[in-house]
Amino acid sequence: MSDQPRRVIEARGIVKEYPYQGDAVRALRGVDADIEAGEMVAVVGPSGCGKSSLLNVLAGIDRPTKGTVRLLGEDLYALDEAARSRMRLRRVGFIFQRFHLLAVLTAAENVELPMAEAGVPRRERRDRARELLEYVGLGHRTTHRPPHLSGGEQQRVAIARALANRPEVIFADEPTGELDRRTGAEIIALFERLNAAGTTLVVVTHDPGVAEHAPRVVEMADGLVVDAGVRR
């Protein structure tokens, strides 16, 4: 058996253009990226350098103009939209800067949503939601709705939701961007805990605290990877 790490993301020649006033803005200019199972990678760089565009392409959210992405062994953009949606639902988690929780649902109900979409039986998903909220330190907030939670608590609910279907890879876009420094540090510690348990994380960030704690930092500028980093 090979001792080589399993590569969970392999991107080649990624170009992403957005139409603008009859022309095109090129957000990504030919990016290559490799991420192995169990890595925690921080993607850094100035605003507008293409970090979030790259994350969305790698996660199967936004089709590249050119290039290929293999995610978890699948040629991602050779799949139809239904198959990509199933992959995002069952094998990938996504954490947003602004949480994207449904205000009318409780914390537990927000965590249950992806499990309901995946057809998990009600009792099982309720038990799993309680378990995950305990894991992120919110066992006492299961019946609270997002407007009654702090920013840090909302992000913890969002992390629990991302974990609901036991994803192999988690993508996070500026997950501490709406949080104060202390709360951001708590989220970073939670990411380290997830990574130590074997979850692969790809985190786009401006937060030096996230980059400092990531075992590998990928630096971008002007739509290109200028430093692919070395695992520390």
Protein backbone atom coordinates (compact mmCIF):
# COMPACT_ATOMS: atom_id res chain seq x y z
CA MET A 1 0.00 0.00 0.00
CA SER A 2 1.29 3.48 -0.89
CA ASP A 3 2.29 5.84 1.91
CA GLN A 4 1.59 8.85 -0.32
CA PRO A 5 -1.07 11.22 1.05
CA ARG A 6 -4.40 11.18 -0.77
CA ARG A 7 -4.96 14.30 -2.86
CA VAL A 8 -8.53 15.52 -2.32
CA ILE A 9 -8.33 18.63 -4.52
CA GLU A 10 -6.42 18.99 -7.76
CA ALA A 11 -7.02 22.11 -9.86
CA ARG A 12 -5.27 22.86 -13.12
CA GLY A 13 -5.24 26.00 -15.23
CA ILE A 14 -8.20 27.64 -13.53
CA VAL A 15 -9.38 30.79 -15.30
CA LYS A 16 -12.48 32.64 -14.10
CA GLU A 17 -13.90 35.59 -15.99
CA TYR A 18 -16.94 37.69 -15.09
CA PRO A 19 -18.74 39.75 -17.74
CA TYR A 20 -18.62 43.49 -17.10
CA GLN A 21 -19.96 46.27 -19.35
CA GLY A 22 -19.47 44.27 -22.52
CA ASP A 23 -16.03 43.11 -21.47
CA ALA A 24 -14.71 40.52 -19.00
CA VAL A 25 -12.98 40.86 -15.65
CA ARG A 26 -10.49 38.03 -15.14
CA ALA A 27 -10.57 37.07 -11.46
CA LEU A 28 -8.39 33.96 -11.88
CA ARG A 29 -5.62 33.82 -14.46
CA GLY A 30 -4.53 30.18 -14.63
CA VAL A 31 -4.38 28.82 -11.09
CA ASP A 32 -3.07 25.39 -10.13
CA ALA A 33 -3.82 24.04 -6.65
CA ASP A 34 -3.27 20.74 -4.81
CA ILE A 35 -4.65 19.95 -1.36
CA GLU A 36 -4.14 16.66 0.41
CA ALA A 37 -6.45 14.84 2.81
CA GLY A 38 -6.18 16.14 6.35
CA GLU A 39 -4.62 19.48 5.44
CA MET A 40 -5.70 22.84 6.85
CA VAL A 41 -4.83 25.46 4.25
CA ALA A 42 -5.28 29.23 4.60
CA VAL A 43 -5.60 31.17 1.33
CA VAL A 44 -4.47 34.77 1.81
CA GLY A 45 -3.92 37.89 -0.28
CA PRO A 46 -5.26 41.41 -0.80
CA SER A 47 -8.93 42.14 -1.53
CA GLY A 48 -9.81 41.41 -5.13
CA CYS A 49 -6.94 38.98 -5.70
CA GLY A 50 -9.28 36.06 -6.48
CA LYS A 51 -9.36 34.18 -3.17
CA SER A 52 -13.13 33.79 -2.92
CA SER A 53 -13.44 33.10 -6.65
CA LEU A 54 -10.97 30.25 -6.27
CA LEU A 55 -12.79 28.87 -3.23
CA ASN A 56 -16.12 28.87 -5.08
CA VAL A 57 -14.58 27.08 -8.07
CA LEU A 58 -12.89 24.44 -5.89
CA ALA A 59 -16.11 23.82 -3.97
CA GLY A 60 -18.22 23.31 -7.08
CA ILE A 61 -20.27 26.47 -6.57
CA ASP A 62 -19.04 28.47 -9.57
CA ARG A 63 -17.93 26.87 -12.86
CA PRO A 64 -14.54 28.08 -14.13
CA THR A 65 -14.23 29.69 -17.55
CA LYS A 66 -11.33 27.34 -18.26
CA GLY A 67 -9.50 24.61 -16.39
CA THR A 68 -10.30 21.44 -14.48
CA VAL A 69 -10.98 20.57 -10.85
CA ARG A 70 -10.84 17.11 -9.33
CA LEU A 71 -12.57 17.03 -5.96
CA LEU A 72 -12.59 13.82 -3.92
CA GLY A 73 -11.69 11.83 -7.01
CA GLU A 74 -14.40 13.34 -9.23
CA ASP A 75 -13.89 15.51 -12.29
CA LEU A 76 -16.10 18.17 -10.76
CA TYR A 77 -17.23 20.10 -13.81
CA ALA A 78 -17.73 16.98 -15.91
CA LEU A 79 -20.62 16.24 -13.52
CA ASP A 80 -24.04 17.70 -14.22
CA GLU A 81 -25.47 20.26 -11.81
CA ALA A 82 -27.58 17.65 -9.97
CA ALA A 83 -24.52 15.47 -9.32
CA ARG A 84 -22.46 18.46 -8.17
CA SER A 85 -25.28 19.47 -5.82
CA ARG A 86 -25.34 15.97 -4.35
CA MET A 87 -21.59 16.13 -3.79
CA ARG A 88 -21.84 19.53 -2.08
CA LEU A 89 -24.67 18.25 0.10
CA ARG A 90 -23.14 14.93 1.15
CA ARG A 91 -19.35 15.26 0.97
CA VAL A 92 -18.54 18.98 1.31
CA GLY A 93 -19.27 21.64 3.93
CA PHE A 94 -19.26 25.41 3.34
CA ILE A 95 -18.98 28.17 5.96
CA PHE A 96 -19.80 31.75 5.02
CA GLN A 97 -18.60 35.06 6.45
CA ARG A 98 -22.15 36.22 7.19
CA PHE A 99 -23.41 32.88 8.51
CA HIS A 100 -26.43 32.49 6.12
CA LEU A 101 -28.66 31.05 8.84
CA LEU A 102 -32.45 31.12 8.50
CA ALA A 103 -33.76 33.58 11.10
CA VAL A 104 -37.13 31.82 11.49
CA LEU A 105 -35.51 28.51 12.51
CA THR A 106 -33.88 27.58 15.79
CA ALA A 107 -30.19 26.75 15.98
CA ALA A 108 -31.00 23.03 15.97
CA GLU A 109 -33.37 23.39 13.02
CA ASN A 110 -30.70 25.25 11.02
CA VAL A 111 -28.26 22.40 11.66
CA GLU A 112 -30.89 19.85 10.66
CA LEU A 113 -31.56 21.44 7.25
CA PRO A 114 -28.81 19.74 5.20
CA MET A 115 -29.63 16.42 6.83
CA ALA A 116 -33.31 16.82 5.90
CA GLU A 117 -32.25 17.55 2.30
CA ALA A 118 -30.13 14.39 2.36
CA GLY A 119 -33.09 12.31 3.54
CA VAL A 120 -31.82 11.59 7.07
CA PRO A 121 -34.69 10.37 9.30
CA ARG A 122 -36.08 13.00 11.67
CA ARG A 123 -35.02 11.38 14.93
CA GLU A 124 -31.49 10.76 13.67
CA ARG A 125 -31.05 14.32 12.45
CA ARG A 126 -32.38 15.76 15.72
CA ASP A 127 -29.93 13.68 17.70
CA ARG A 128 -27.08 14.66 15.36
CA ALA A 129 -27.99 18.37 15.57
CA ARG A 130 -27.88 18.25 19.38
CA GLU A 131 -24.58 16.38 19.26
CA LEU A 132 -23.03 18.93 16.90
CA LEU A 133 -24.24 21.94 18.86
CA GLU A 134 -22.71 20.38 21.97
CA TYR A 135 -19.49 19.89 19.99
CA VAL A 136 -19.29 23.60 19.12
CA GLY A 137 -20.20 24.65 22.68
CA LEU A 138 -23.84 25.58 22.08
CA GLY A 139 -25.71 22.76 23.74
CA HIS A 140 -27.54 25.39 25.81
CA ARG A 141 -28.66 27.34 22.72
CA THR A 142 -30.43 24.68 20.66
CA THR A 143 -33.84 26.41 20.74
CA HIS A 144 -32.54 29.96 20.20
CA ARG A 145 -33.05 31.65 16.83
CA PRO A 146 -30.21 33.50 15.07
CA PRO A 147 -31.43 37.04 16.00
CA HIS A 148 -31.00 36.04 19.66
CA LEU A 149 -27.45 34.73 19.21
CA SER A 150 -24.18 36.65 19.15
CA GLY A 151 -22.07 36.73 15.99
CA GLY A 152 -19.73 34.12 17.37
CA GLU A 153 -22.63 31.88 18.35
CA GLN A 154 -24.15 32.22 14.88
CA GLN A 155 -20.85 31.21 13.31
CA ARG A 156 -20.68 28.19 15.60
CA VAL A 157 -24.17 27.17 14.44
CA ALA A 158 -22.99 27.61 10.84
CA ILE A 159 -19.99 25.36 11.54
CA ALA A 160 -22.27 22.73 13.10
CA ARG A 161 -24.50 22.93 10.02
CA ALA A 162 -21.47 22.48 7.74
CA LEU A 163 -20.59 19.31 9.67
CA ALA A 164 -24.10 17.88 9.56
CA ASN A 165 -23.58 15.33 6.78
CA ARG A 166 -20.05 14.40 7.87
CA PRO A 167 -18.20 16.15 5.03
CA GLU A 168 -14.72 15.13 3.93
CA VAL A 169 -13.74 18.71 3.05
CA ILE A 170 -14.86 22.02 4.56
CA PHE A 171 -14.50 25.30 2.68
CA ALA A 172 -14.71 28.54 4.68
CA ASP A 173 -14.89 32.06 3.22
CA GLU A 174 -13.67 34.72 5.70
CA PRO A 175 -15.18 32.79 8.65
CA THR A 176 -13.86 35.28 11.25
CA GLY A 177 -14.48 38.41 9.18
CA GLU A 178 -17.61 39.47 11.13
CA LEU A 179 -16.21 38.60 14.56
CA ASP A 180 -14.15 40.38 17.19
CA ARG A 181 -10.63 39.15 17.89
CA ARG A 182 -11.48 37.02 20.93
CA THR A 183 -14.43 35.33 19.24
CA GLY A 184 -12.37 34.85 16.09
CA ALA A 185 -9.72 33.09 18.16
CA GLU A 186 -12.39 30.71 19.48
CA ILE A 187 -13.43 29.86 15.91
CA ILE A 188 -9.79 29.27 14.94
CA ALA A 189 -9.42 26.90 17.90
CA LEU A 190 -12.53 25.04 16.72
CA PHE A 191 -11.05 24.71 13.22
CA GLU A 192 -7.84 23.32 14.71
CA ARG A 193 -9.90 20.78 16.63
CA LEU A 194 -11.73 19.74 13.45
CA ASN A 195 -8.46 19.45 11.55
CA ALA A 196 -6.87 17.38 14.33
CA ALA A 197 -9.82 14.98 13.95
CA GLY A 198 -8.92 14.54 10.27
CA THR A 199 -11.18 17.03 8.47
CA THR A 200 -9.63 18.80 5.48
CA LEU A 201 -10.16 22.58 5.67
CA VAL A 202 -9.61 25.27 3.02
CA VAL A 203 -10.02 28.73 4.54
CA VAL A 204 -9.98 32.06 2.69
CA THR A 205 -9.01 34.78 5.14
CA HIS A 206 -7.68 38.27 5.80
CA ASP A 207 -7.25 37.32 9.46
CA PRO A 208 -3.56 36.95 10.41
CA GLY A 209 -4.67 34.75 13.33
CA VAL A 210 -6.10 32.16 10.93
CA ALA A 211 -2.99 32.24 8.74
CA GLU A 212 -0.72 31.95 11.77
CA HIS A 213 -2.44 28.76 12.89
CA ALA A 214 -2.78 27.12 9.47
CA PRO A 215 -0.15 24.45 8.77
CA ARG A 216 0.01 25.69 5.15
CA VAL A 217 -0.56 29.18 3.76
CA VAL A 218 -1.25 29.79 0.05
CA GLU A 219 -0.69 33.37 -1.07
CA MET A 220 -2.54 34.92 -4.00
CA ALA A 221 -2.10 38.18 -5.94
CA ASP A 222 -3.73 39.44 -9.13
CA GLY A 223 -5.63 36.22 -9.81
CA LEU A 224 -2.60 33.96 -9.42
CA VAL A 225 -1.06 31.78 -6.73
CA VAL A 226 2.29 33.42 -6.01
CA ASP A 227 3.29 31.10 -3.17
CA ALA A 228 1.75 27.63 -2.75
CA GLY A 229 3.24 27.32 0.72
CA VAL A 230 4.86 24.40 2.48
CA ARG A 231 3.12 22.37 5.17
CA ARG A 232 4.60 23.39 8.52
